[in-house]
Amino acid sequence: MLETVRETGVDVQAVLAPFDLEELPGELPALEVASEHPYLLTYTSGTTGAPKGVVLSHRGLLANGLALALWAEVTEDDLFLNVVPMFHAGGQGFPTLTPLWRGARTVCVRSEAALARFWTFADRHRPTWMLVVTAFLAHLLERPERPSDSRFKGFLAGGSALSSELIRRFEDTFGIPVF
């Protein structure tokens, strides 16, 4: 798996440099894990048919996180606000693995709490990125609250059809790009 990471050109030592790995308590066992070995069994929502189990590999999740980090030009100054459950592949991908590639941070907030008080959390933590389902964008448009001072670079949205009208309304209202 390290070869896969090296092929990306990412300087792994530089990414890990801020962390004193010698200070970890106890001994970490060596693991023999091939990059193609299963990492996670997740289930689709069944939107277009019966829910299906999908096996994701270590390589696939790492490659996805790295590709998104490169696309979003993530730096150590970024902060991701994660409102997607961690049992969902989406919650583990963009808002969790992506920032790890660049030494950025993630704040996790329960979905229902984020729906009720989103801009409170956004104002408190000042995130730059987040992943949301389409309905979350529509919900924010219906509420009267607005951010006091946003530093969002963008919202990555999906989970269902995302109309150009919803994107336009959200971007016009909040000044935050939707991808």
N, C-alpha and C. Protein backbone atom coordinates (compact mmCIF):
# COMPACT_ATOMS: atom_id res chain seq x y z
N MET A 1 0.83 -1.18 0.00
CA MET A 1 0.00 0.00 0.00
C MET A 1 0.87 1.24 0.00
N LEU A 2 2.02 1.21 0.66
CA LEU A 2 2.90 2.36 0.67
C LEU A 2 3.35 2.72 -0.73
N GLU A 3 3.53 1.72 -1.59
CA GLU A 3 3.90 2.00 -2.98
C GLU A 3 2.81 2.81 -3.68
N THR A 4 1.56 2.47 -3.41
CA THR A 4 0.44 3.22 -4.00
C THR A 4 0.51 4.68 -3.57
N VAL A 5 0.79 4.92 -2.30
CA VAL A 5 0.89 6.28 -1.78
C VAL A 5 2.09 6.98 -2.42
N ARG A 6 3.22 6.28 -2.52
CA ARG A 6 4.42 6.90 -3.12
C ARG A 6 4.16 7.30 -4.56
N GLU A 7 3.39 6.49 -5.30
CA GLU A 7 3.09 6.79 -6.69
C GLU A 7 2.33 8.10 -6.85
N THR A 8 1.65 8.55 -5.82
CA THR A 8 0.88 9.78 -5.90
C THR A 8 1.77 11.02 -5.82
N GLY A 9 3.00 10.84 -5.34
CA GLY A 9 3.90 11.97 -5.19
C GLY A 9 3.74 12.71 -3.87
N VAL A 10 2.83 12.25 -3.00
CA VAL A 10 2.64 12.88 -1.70
C VAL A 10 3.81 12.51 -0.80
N ASP A 11 4.39 13.49 -0.14
CA ASP A 11 5.49 13.27 0.79
C ASP A 11 4.91 12.82 2.13
N VAL A 12 4.85 11.50 2.32
CA VAL A 12 4.23 10.94 3.52
C VAL A 12 4.97 11.39 4.77
N GLN A 13 6.29 11.47 4.72
CA GLN A 13 7.06 11.90 5.89
C GLN A 13 6.69 13.33 6.28
N ALA A 14 6.48 14.19 5.28
CA ALA A 14 6.10 15.57 5.57
C ALA A 14 4.70 15.63 6.18
N VAL A 15 3.80 14.78 5.71
CA VAL A 15 2.45 14.75 6.26
C VAL A 15 2.48 14.30 7.71
N LEU A 16 3.35 13.32 8.03
CA LEU A 16 3.41 12.78 9.39
C LEU A 16 4.35 13.56 10.31
N ALA A 17 5.16 14.47 9.77
CA ALA A 17 6.17 15.18 10.55
C ALA A 17 5.63 15.88 11.80
N PRO A 18 4.44 16.51 11.75
CA PRO A 18 3.98 17.21 12.96
C PRO A 18 3.65 16.28 14.13
N PHE A 19 3.58 14.99 13.87
CA PHE A 19 3.17 14.06 14.90
C PHE A 19 4.38 13.29 15.43
N ASP A 20 4.53 13.26 16.73
CA ASP A 20 5.64 12.53 17.35
C ASP A 20 5.19 11.09 17.55
N LEU A 21 5.50 10.25 16.55
CA LEU A 21 5.06 8.86 16.59
C LEU A 21 5.78 8.05 17.67
N GLU A 22 6.90 8.55 18.15
CA GLU A 22 7.64 7.86 19.22
C GLU A 22 6.91 7.98 20.55
N GLU A 23 6.03 8.96 20.67
CA GLU A 23 5.33 9.21 21.93
C GLU A 23 4.07 8.36 22.10
N LEU A 24 3.75 7.53 21.12
CA LEU A 24 2.56 6.70 21.25
C LEU A 24 2.74 5.68 22.37
N PRO A 25 1.70 5.49 23.19
CA PRO A 25 1.82 4.52 24.29
C PRO A 25 1.78 3.10 23.74
N GLY A 26 2.61 2.23 24.34
CA GLY A 26 2.57 0.81 23.98
C GLY A 26 3.19 0.52 22.63
N GLU A 27 3.07 -0.71 22.25
CA GLU A 27 3.63 -1.20 21.00
C GLU A 27 2.51 -1.41 20.00
N LEU A 28 2.68 -0.92 18.80
CA LEU A 28 1.68 -1.14 17.77
C LEU A 28 2.05 -2.39 16.98
N PRO A 29 1.12 -3.34 16.86
CA PRO A 29 1.44 -4.56 16.13
C PRO A 29 1.56 -4.29 14.64
N ALA A 30 2.47 -4.98 14.01
CA ALA A 30 2.62 -4.87 12.56
C ALA A 30 1.46 -5.60 11.90
N LEU A 31 0.87 -4.98 10.92
CA LEU A 31 -0.25 -5.59 10.21
C LEU A 31 0.14 -5.85 8.77
N GLU A 32 -0.24 -7.01 8.30
CA GLU A 32 -0.03 -7.34 6.89
C GLU A 32 -1.35 -7.11 6.17
N VAL A 33 -1.49 -5.96 5.56
CA VAL A 33 -2.72 -5.63 4.85
C VAL A 33 -2.36 -5.18 3.44
N ALA A 34 -2.88 -5.88 2.48
CA ALA A 34 -2.67 -5.49 1.10
C ALA A 34 -3.66 -4.39 0.74
N SER A 35 -3.25 -3.52 -0.16
CA SER A 35 -4.10 -2.37 -0.50
C SER A 35 -5.44 -2.79 -1.09
N GLU A 36 -5.48 -3.96 -1.71
CA GLU A 36 -6.75 -4.40 -2.32
C GLU A 36 -7.64 -5.16 -1.33
N HIS A 37 -7.15 -5.40 -0.11
CA HIS A 37 -7.97 -6.08 0.89
C HIS A 37 -9.16 -5.21 1.28
N PRO A 38 -10.27 -5.86 1.64
CA PRO A 38 -11.46 -5.10 2.04
C PRO A 38 -11.19 -4.24 3.28
N TYR A 39 -11.70 -3.04 3.23
CA TYR A 39 -11.64 -2.12 4.36
C TYR A 39 -13.00 -2.00 5.03
N LEU A 40 -14.04 -1.98 4.20
CA LEU A 40 -15.36 -1.65 4.70
C LEU A 40 -16.43 -2.31 3.83
N LEU A 41 -17.44 -2.83 4.48
CA LEU A 41 -18.64 -3.30 3.79
C LEU A 41 -19.74 -2.30 4.12
N THR A 42 -20.21 -1.61 3.11
CA THR A 42 -21.25 -0.61 3.31
C THR A 42 -22.44 -0.97 2.42
N TYR A 43 -23.55 -0.38 2.68
CA TYR A 43 -24.75 -0.68 1.91
C TYR A 43 -25.27 0.56 1.21
N THR A 44 -25.69 0.38 -0.02
CA THR A 44 -26.30 1.47 -0.76
C THR A 44 -27.67 1.76 -0.15
N SER A 45 -28.22 2.91 -0.45
CA SER A 45 -29.50 3.29 0.13
C SER A 45 -30.68 2.59 -0.52
N GLY A 46 -30.47 2.05 -1.72
CA GLY A 46 -31.58 1.42 -2.41
C GLY A 46 -32.41 2.41 -3.20
N THR A 47 -31.87 3.58 -3.47
CA THR A 47 -32.62 4.62 -4.19
C THR A 47 -33.10 4.12 -5.55
N THR A 48 -32.25 3.40 -6.25
CA THR A 48 -32.60 2.95 -7.61
C THR A 48 -32.93 1.46 -7.66
N GLY A 49 -33.05 0.82 -6.54
CA GLY A 49 -33.35 -0.61 -6.48
C GLY A 49 -33.16 -1.10 -5.07
N ALA A 50 -33.02 -2.41 -4.93
CA ALA A 50 -32.80 -2.98 -3.60
C ALA A 50 -31.42 -2.56 -3.07
N PRO A 51 -31.31 -2.27 -1.76
CA PRO A 51 -29.99 -1.95 -1.21
C PRO A 51 -29.01 -3.09 -1.48
N LYS A 52 -27.76 -2.72 -1.75
CA LYS A 52 -26.74 -3.71 -2.06
C LYS A 52 -25.53 -3.48 -1.18
N GLY A 53 -24.89 -4.57 -0.78
CA GLY A 53 -23.64 -4.47 -0.05
C GLY A 53 -22.51 -4.16 -1.02
N VAL A 54 -21.65 -3.24 -0.64
CA VAL A 54 -20.52 -2.84 -1.48
C VAL A 54 -19.26 -2.94 -0.64
N VAL A 55 -18.28 -3.67 -1.15
CA VAL A 55 -17.01 -3.81 -0.45
C VAL A 55 -16.05 -2.75 -0.98
N LEU A 56 -15.52 -1.93 -0.07
CA LEU A 56 -14.55 -0.91 -0.42
C LEU A 56 -13.18 -1.35 0.07
N SER A 57 -12.17 -1.17 -0.77
CA SER A 57 -10.81 -1.58 -0.41
C SER A 57 -10.06 -0.44 0.29
N HIS A 58 -8.97 -0.82 0.96
CA HIS A 58 -8.09 0.18 1.56
C HIS A 58 -7.61 1.16 0.48
N ARG A 59 -7.16 0.62 -0.64
CA ARG A 59 -6.65 1.45 -1.72
C ARG A 59 -7.72 2.41 -2.23
N GLY A 60 -8.94 1.91 -2.41
CA GLY A 60 -10.01 2.74 -2.92
C GLY A 60 -10.32 3.92 -2.01
N LEU A 61 -10.42 3.67 -0.71
CA LEU A 61 -10.72 4.76 0.21
C LEU A 61 -9.57 5.77 0.29
N LEU A 62 -8.33 5.26 0.34
CA LEU A 62 -7.19 6.17 0.39
C LEU A 62 -7.07 6.99 -0.89
N ALA A 63 -7.27 6.32 -2.03
CA ALA A 63 -7.19 7.03 -3.31
C ALA A 63 -8.29 8.08 -3.43
N ASN A 64 -9.49 7.75 -2.97
CA ASN A 64 -10.59 8.70 -2.98
C ASN A 64 -10.26 9.92 -2.13
N GLY A 65 -9.77 9.68 -0.92
CA GLY A 65 -9.41 10.79 -0.04
C GLY A 65 -8.33 11.67 -0.63
N LEU A 66 -7.32 11.05 -1.23
CA LEU A 66 -6.23 11.81 -1.83
C LEU A 66 -6.72 12.60 -3.04
N ALA A 67 -7.50 11.96 -3.90
CA ALA A 67 -8.01 12.65 -5.09
C ALA A 67 -8.83 13.88 -4.69
N LEU A 68 -9.65 13.74 -3.67
CA LEU A 68 -10.45 14.87 -3.21
C LEU A 68 -9.59 15.96 -2.56
N ALA A 69 -8.54 15.55 -1.84
CA ALA A 69 -7.63 16.53 -1.24
C ALA A 69 -6.93 17.35 -2.32
N LEU A 70 -6.54 16.69 -3.40
CA LEU A 70 -5.90 17.39 -4.50
C LEU A 70 -6.89 18.29 -5.23
N TRP A 71 -8.10 17.76 -5.49
CA TRP A 71 -9.14 18.55 -6.18
C TRP A 71 -9.50 19.81 -5.39
N ALA A 72 -9.70 19.66 -4.08
CA ALA A 72 -10.13 20.77 -3.23
C ALA A 72 -8.96 21.65 -2.78
N GLU A 73 -7.75 21.28 -3.17
CA GLU A 73 -6.55 22.03 -2.78
C GLU A 73 -6.50 22.26 -1.27
N VAL A 74 -6.70 21.15 -0.54
CA VAL A 74 -6.75 21.19 0.92
C VAL A 74 -5.36 21.52 1.48
N THR A 75 -5.34 22.35 2.50
CA THR A 75 -4.11 22.67 3.22
C THR A 75 -4.33 22.40 4.71
N GLU A 76 -3.27 22.56 5.48
CA GLU A 76 -3.38 22.35 6.93
C GLU A 76 -4.26 23.40 7.59
N ASP A 77 -4.59 24.46 6.88
CA ASP A 77 -5.46 25.50 7.43
C ASP A 77 -6.94 25.20 7.27
N ASP A 78 -7.26 24.14 6.53
CA ASP A 78 -8.67 23.80 6.30
C ASP A 78 -9.26 23.07 7.50
N LEU A 79 -10.57 23.24 7.65
CA LEU A 79 -11.32 22.52 8.67
C LEU A 79 -12.60 22.01 8.01
N PHE A 80 -12.85 20.72 8.15
CA PHE A 80 -14.03 20.09 7.57
C PHE A 80 -15.07 19.90 8.66
N LEU A 81 -16.29 20.29 8.36
CA LEU A 81 -17.40 20.07 9.28
C LEU A 81 -18.13 18.83 8.78
N ASN A 82 -18.08 17.76 9.56
CA ASN A 82 -18.69 16.49 9.16
C ASN A 82 -20.04 16.32 9.84
N VAL A 83 -21.10 16.34 9.04
CA VAL A 83 -22.45 16.12 9.56
C VAL A 83 -23.03 14.81 9.03
N VAL A 84 -22.21 14.03 8.32
CA VAL A 84 -22.64 12.76 7.76
C VAL A 84 -22.24 11.65 8.74
N PRO A 85 -23.12 10.71 9.03
CA PRO A 85 -22.78 9.65 9.99
C PRO A 85 -21.52 8.90 9.59
N MET A 86 -20.70 8.56 10.57
CA MET A 86 -19.44 7.86 10.30
C MET A 86 -19.65 6.43 9.80
N PHE A 87 -20.85 5.86 9.99
CA PHE A 87 -21.09 4.52 9.44
C PHE A 87 -21.36 4.58 7.94
N HIS A 88 -21.50 5.77 7.40
CA HIS A 88 -21.75 5.96 5.97
C HIS A 88 -20.41 6.20 5.27
N ALA A 89 -20.25 5.63 4.08
CA ALA A 89 -19.01 5.81 3.34
C ALA A 89 -18.72 7.29 3.12
N GLY A 90 -19.77 8.11 2.93
CA GLY A 90 -19.57 9.54 2.76
C GLY A 90 -18.96 10.19 3.98
N GLY A 91 -19.37 9.78 5.16
CA GLY A 91 -18.83 10.33 6.40
C GLY A 91 -17.38 9.98 6.64
N GLN A 92 -16.96 8.87 6.08
CA GLN A 92 -15.56 8.45 6.23
C GLN A 92 -14.67 9.01 5.14
N GLY A 93 -15.26 9.40 4.02
CA GLY A 93 -14.47 9.84 2.87
C GLY A 93 -14.07 11.30 2.93
N PHE A 94 -14.84 12.16 2.24
CA PHE A 94 -14.46 13.56 2.08
C PHE A 94 -14.21 14.27 3.41
N PRO A 95 -15.12 14.21 4.39
CA PRO A 95 -14.88 15.01 5.59
C PRO A 95 -13.90 14.39 6.59
N THR A 96 -13.46 13.14 6.35
CA THR A 96 -12.58 12.48 7.33
C THR A 96 -11.23 12.11 6.74
N LEU A 97 -11.20 11.29 5.70
CA LEU A 97 -9.93 10.87 5.11
C LEU A 97 -9.26 11.99 4.31
N THR A 98 -10.04 12.79 3.63
CA THR A 98 -9.47 13.86 2.80
C THR A 98 -8.59 14.81 3.62
N PRO A 99 -9.06 15.33 4.74
CA PRO A 99 -8.20 16.26 5.49
C PRO A 99 -6.94 15.59 6.06
N LEU A 100 -6.99 14.28 6.29
CA LEU A 100 -5.81 13.60 6.83
C LEU A 100 -4.62 13.67 5.88
N TRP A 101 -4.88 13.72 4.59
CA TRP A 101 -3.80 13.78 3.61
C TRP A 101 -3.01 15.08 3.72
N ARG A 102 -3.61 16.12 4.23
CA ARG A 102 -2.96 17.43 4.26
C ARG A 102 -2.77 17.99 5.66
N GLY A 103 -3.05 17.19 6.67
CA GLY A 103 -2.89 17.67 8.04
C GLY A 103 -3.96 18.66 8.45
N ALA A 104 -5.09 18.64 7.75
CA ALA A 104 -6.20 19.52 8.10
C ALA A 104 -6.99 18.89 9.26
N ARG A 105 -8.04 19.55 9.70
CA ARG A 105 -8.83 19.07 10.83
C ARG A 105 -10.27 18.80 10.43
N THR A 106 -10.94 17.99 11.27
CA THR A 106 -12.35 17.68 11.07
C THR A 106 -13.08 17.84 12.40
N VAL A 107 -14.25 18.44 12.36
CA VAL A 107 -15.14 18.50 13.52
C VAL A 107 -16.39 17.71 13.13
N CYS A 108 -16.76 16.75 13.96
CA CYS A 108 -17.94 15.93 13.70
C CYS A 108 -19.11 16.42 14.55
N VAL A 109 -20.25 16.58 13.90
CA VAL A 109 -21.47 17.02 14.56
C VAL A 109 -22.58 16.07 14.15
N ARG A 110 -23.36 15.61 15.11
CA ARG A 110 -24.48 14.73 14.78
C ARG A 110 -25.39 15.40 13.77
N SER A 111 -25.87 14.62 12.82
CA SER A 111 -26.69 15.16 11.73
C SER A 111 -27.88 15.95 12.23
N GLU A 112 -28.60 15.41 13.21
CA GLU A 112 -29.80 16.09 13.69
C GLU A 112 -29.46 17.40 14.40
N ALA A 113 -28.33 17.44 15.10
CA ALA A 113 -27.90 18.69 15.74
C ALA A 113 -27.50 19.72 14.69
N ALA A 114 -26.82 19.26 13.65
CA ALA A 114 -26.40 20.17 12.58
C ALA A 114 -27.61 20.75 11.85
N LEU A 115 -28.63 19.94 11.65
CA LEU A 115 -29.84 20.46 11.00
C LEU A 115 -30.49 21.55 11.83
N ALA A 116 -30.52 21.35 13.14
CA ALA A 116 -31.21 22.30 14.02
C ALA A 116 -30.42 23.60 14.21
N ARG A 117 -29.07 23.49 14.26
CA ARG A 117 -28.28 24.69 14.60
C ARG A 117 -27.04 24.81 13.72
N PHE A 118 -27.22 24.62 12.44
CA PHE A 118 -26.07 24.57 11.54
C PHE A 118 -25.18 25.80 11.62
N TRP A 119 -25.75 26.99 11.47
CA TRP A 119 -24.91 28.19 11.41
C TRP A 119 -24.24 28.48 12.75
N THR A 120 -24.83 28.00 13.85
CA THR A 120 -24.15 28.12 15.15
C THR A 120 -22.85 27.33 15.12
N PHE A 121 -22.91 26.10 14.60
CA PHE A 121 -21.69 25.29 14.51
C PHE A 121 -20.72 25.89 13.50
N ALA A 122 -21.24 26.38 12.38
CA ALA A 122 -20.37 26.99 11.36
C ALA A 122 -19.67 28.23 11.91
N ASP A 123 -20.39 29.07 12.65
CA ASP A 123 -19.79 30.27 13.22
C ASP A 123 -18.76 29.92 14.29
N ARG A 124 -19.03 28.88 15.07
CA ARG A 124 -18.13 28.48 16.15
C ARG A 124 -16.83 27.87 15.60
N HIS A 125 -16.94 26.97 14.63
CA HIS A 125 -15.76 26.22 14.17
C HIS A 125 -15.11 26.81 12.91
N ARG A 126 -15.83 27.64 12.18
CA ARG A 126 -15.34 28.29 10.97
C ARG A 126 -14.76 27.29 9.95
N PRO A 127 -15.58 26.32 9.53
CA PRO A 127 -15.10 25.33 8.57
C PRO A 127 -14.90 25.92 7.17
N THR A 128 -14.12 25.19 6.39
CA THR A 128 -13.89 25.59 5.01
C THR A 128 -14.60 24.65 4.03
N TRP A 129 -14.83 23.41 4.43
CA TRP A 129 -15.46 22.42 3.55
C TRP A 129 -16.45 21.57 4.32
N MET A 130 -17.44 21.06 3.58
CA MET A 130 -18.32 20.05 4.16
C MET A 130 -19.01 19.27 3.05
N LEU A 131 -19.44 18.08 3.41
CA LEU A 131 -20.20 17.20 2.54
C LEU A 131 -21.63 17.16 3.07
N VAL A 132 -22.60 17.36 2.18
CA VAL A 132 -24.01 17.34 2.60
C VAL A 132 -24.84 16.59 1.58
N VAL A 133 -26.00 16.15 2.02
CA VAL A 133 -26.98 15.60 1.07
C VAL A 133 -27.78 16.79 0.54
N THR A 134 -28.36 16.58 -0.62
CA THR A 134 -29.12 17.64 -1.30
C THR A 134 -30.19 18.26 -0.39
N ALA A 135 -30.89 17.43 0.36
CA ALA A 135 -31.95 17.93 1.22
C ALA A 135 -31.43 18.90 2.28
N PHE A 136 -30.18 18.74 2.69
CA PHE A 136 -29.57 19.63 3.68
C PHE A 136 -29.48 21.05 3.11
N LEU A 137 -29.09 21.17 1.85
CA LEU A 137 -29.02 22.49 1.21
C LEU A 137 -30.40 23.14 1.18
N ALA A 138 -31.40 22.36 0.77
CA ALA A 138 -32.77 22.88 0.70
C ALA A 138 -33.24 23.31 2.09
N HIS A 139 -32.91 22.54 3.11
CA HIS A 139 -33.30 22.87 4.49
C HIS A 139 -32.68 24.20 4.92
N LEU A 140 -31.41 24.42 4.63
CA LEU A 140 -30.76 25.67 5.02
C LEU A 140 -31.40 26.88 4.33
N LEU A 141 -31.84 26.69 3.10
CA LEU A 141 -32.49 27.79 2.38
C LEU A 141 -33.83 28.17 3.00
N GLU A 142 -34.50 27.22 3.63
CA GLU A 142 -35.81 27.46 4.23
C GLU A 142 -35.72 28.16 5.58
N ARG A 143 -34.56 28.12 6.19
CA ARG A 143 -34.40 28.68 7.53
C ARG A 143 -33.96 30.14 7.46
N PRO A 144 -34.31 30.94 8.45
CA PRO A 144 -33.95 32.37 8.40
C PRO A 144 -32.50 32.65 8.80
N GLU A 145 -31.83 31.71 9.47
CA GLU A 145 -30.48 31.97 9.95
C GLU A 145 -29.50 32.13 8.80
N ARG A 146 -28.48 32.95 9.06
CA ARG A 146 -27.41 33.18 8.10
C ARG A 146 -26.09 33.18 8.85
N PRO A 147 -24.98 32.85 8.17
CA PRO A 147 -23.69 32.85 8.87
C PRO A 147 -23.26 34.27 9.20
N SER A 148 -22.55 34.43 10.32
CA SER A 148 -22.06 35.76 10.66
C SER A 148 -20.81 36.09 9.85
N ASP A 149 -19.96 35.11 9.62
CA ASP A 149 -18.72 35.34 8.87
C ASP A 149 -18.21 33.99 8.37
N SER A 150 -18.58 33.63 7.17
CA SER A 150 -18.24 32.32 6.63
C SER A 150 -16.87 32.33 5.97
N ARG A 151 -16.12 31.24 6.15
CA ARG A 151 -14.88 31.06 5.40
C ARG A 151 -14.96 29.80 4.54
N PHE A 152 -16.19 29.35 4.26
CA PHE A 152 -16.38 28.17 3.43
C PHE A 152 -15.78 28.36 2.04
N LYS A 153 -15.06 27.34 1.60
CA LYS A 153 -14.59 27.28 0.21
C LYS A 153 -15.63 26.56 -0.64
N GLY A 154 -16.41 25.69 0.01
CA GLY A 154 -17.44 25.00 -0.74
C GLY A 154 -18.13 23.90 0.03
N PHE A 155 -19.29 23.50 -0.50
CA PHE A 155 -20.06 22.35 -0.03
C PHE A 155 -20.01 21.32 -1.15
N LEU A 156 -19.65 20.10 -0.82
CA LEU A 156 -19.75 18.99 -1.75
C LEU A 156 -21.10 18.34 -1.46
N ALA A 157 -21.98 18.27 -2.47
CA ALA A 157 -23.35 17.80 -2.24
C ALA A 157 -23.68 16.62 -3.13
N GLY A 158 -24.55 15.76 -2.63
CA GLY A 158 -24.99 14.60 -3.41
C GLY A 158 -26.01 13.79 -2.65
N GLY A 159 -26.16 12.57 -3.07
CA GLY A 159 -27.10 11.67 -2.41
C GLY A 159 -28.41 11.55 -3.16
N SER A 160 -28.74 12.59 -3.90
CA SER A 160 -29.93 12.59 -4.75
C SER A 160 -29.72 13.68 -5.80
N ALA A 161 -30.66 13.77 -6.72
CA ALA A 161 -30.52 14.75 -7.81
C ALA A 161 -30.33 16.15 -7.24
N LEU A 162 -29.39 16.87 -7.81
CA LEU A 162 -29.05 18.22 -7.37
C LEU A 162 -29.35 19.15 -8.55
N SER A 163 -30.43 19.90 -8.45
CA SER A 163 -30.85 20.74 -9.57
C SER A 163 -29.98 21.99 -9.67
N SER A 164 -29.84 22.50 -10.87
CA SER A 164 -29.08 23.73 -11.07
C SER A 164 -29.78 24.90 -10.37
N GLU A 165 -31.10 24.84 -10.25
CA GLU A 165 -31.86 25.88 -9.55
C GLU A 165 -31.51 25.91 -8.06
N LEU A 166 -31.43 24.73 -7.42
CA LEU A 166 -31.06 24.66 -6.00
C LEU A 166 -29.64 25.18 -5.80
N ILE A 167 -28.73 24.78 -6.67
CA ILE A 167 -27.35 25.26 -6.58
C ILE A 167 -27.33 26.78 -6.69
N ARG A 168 -28.00 27.34 -7.69
CA ARG A 168 -28.01 28.79 -7.90
C ARG A 168 -28.58 29.52 -6.69
N ARG A 169 -29.72 29.04 -6.18
CA ARG A 169 -30.34 29.69 -5.02
C ARG A 169 -29.42 29.65 -3.81
N PHE A 170 -28.79 28.50 -3.57
CA PHE A 170 -27.90 28.37 -2.41
C PHE A 170 -26.69 29.29 -2.56
N GLU A 171 -26.07 29.26 -3.71
CA GLU A 171 -24.89 30.10 -3.92
C GLU A 171 -25.23 31.58 -3.87
N ASP A 172 -26.37 31.97 -4.42
CA ASP A 172 -26.80 33.37 -4.37
C ASP A 172 -27.12 33.82 -2.94
N THR A 173 -27.73 32.93 -2.17
CA THR A 173 -28.14 33.27 -0.81
C THR A 173 -26.96 33.33 0.15
N PHE A 174 -26.07 32.34 0.07
CA PHE A 174 -25.00 32.22 1.07
C PHE A 174 -23.61 32.59 0.54
N GLY A 175 -23.46 32.71 -0.77
CA GLY A 175 -22.15 33.00 -1.33
C GLY A 175 -21.16 31.87 -1.18
N ILE A 176 -21.68 30.65 -1.07
CA ILE A 176 -20.83 29.46 -0.90
C ILE A 176 -21.00 28.57 -2.12
N PRO A 177 -19.90 28.23 -2.81
CA PRO A 177 -20.00 27.35 -3.98
C PRO A 177 -20.47 25.95 -3.60
N VAL A 178 -21.28 25.37 -4.48
CA VAL A 178 -21.76 23.99 -4.30
C VAL A 178 -21.18 23.17 -5.44
N PHE A 179 -20.59 22.04 -5.09
CA PHE A 179 -19.98 21.14 -6.09
C PHE A 179 -20.68 19.80 -6.06
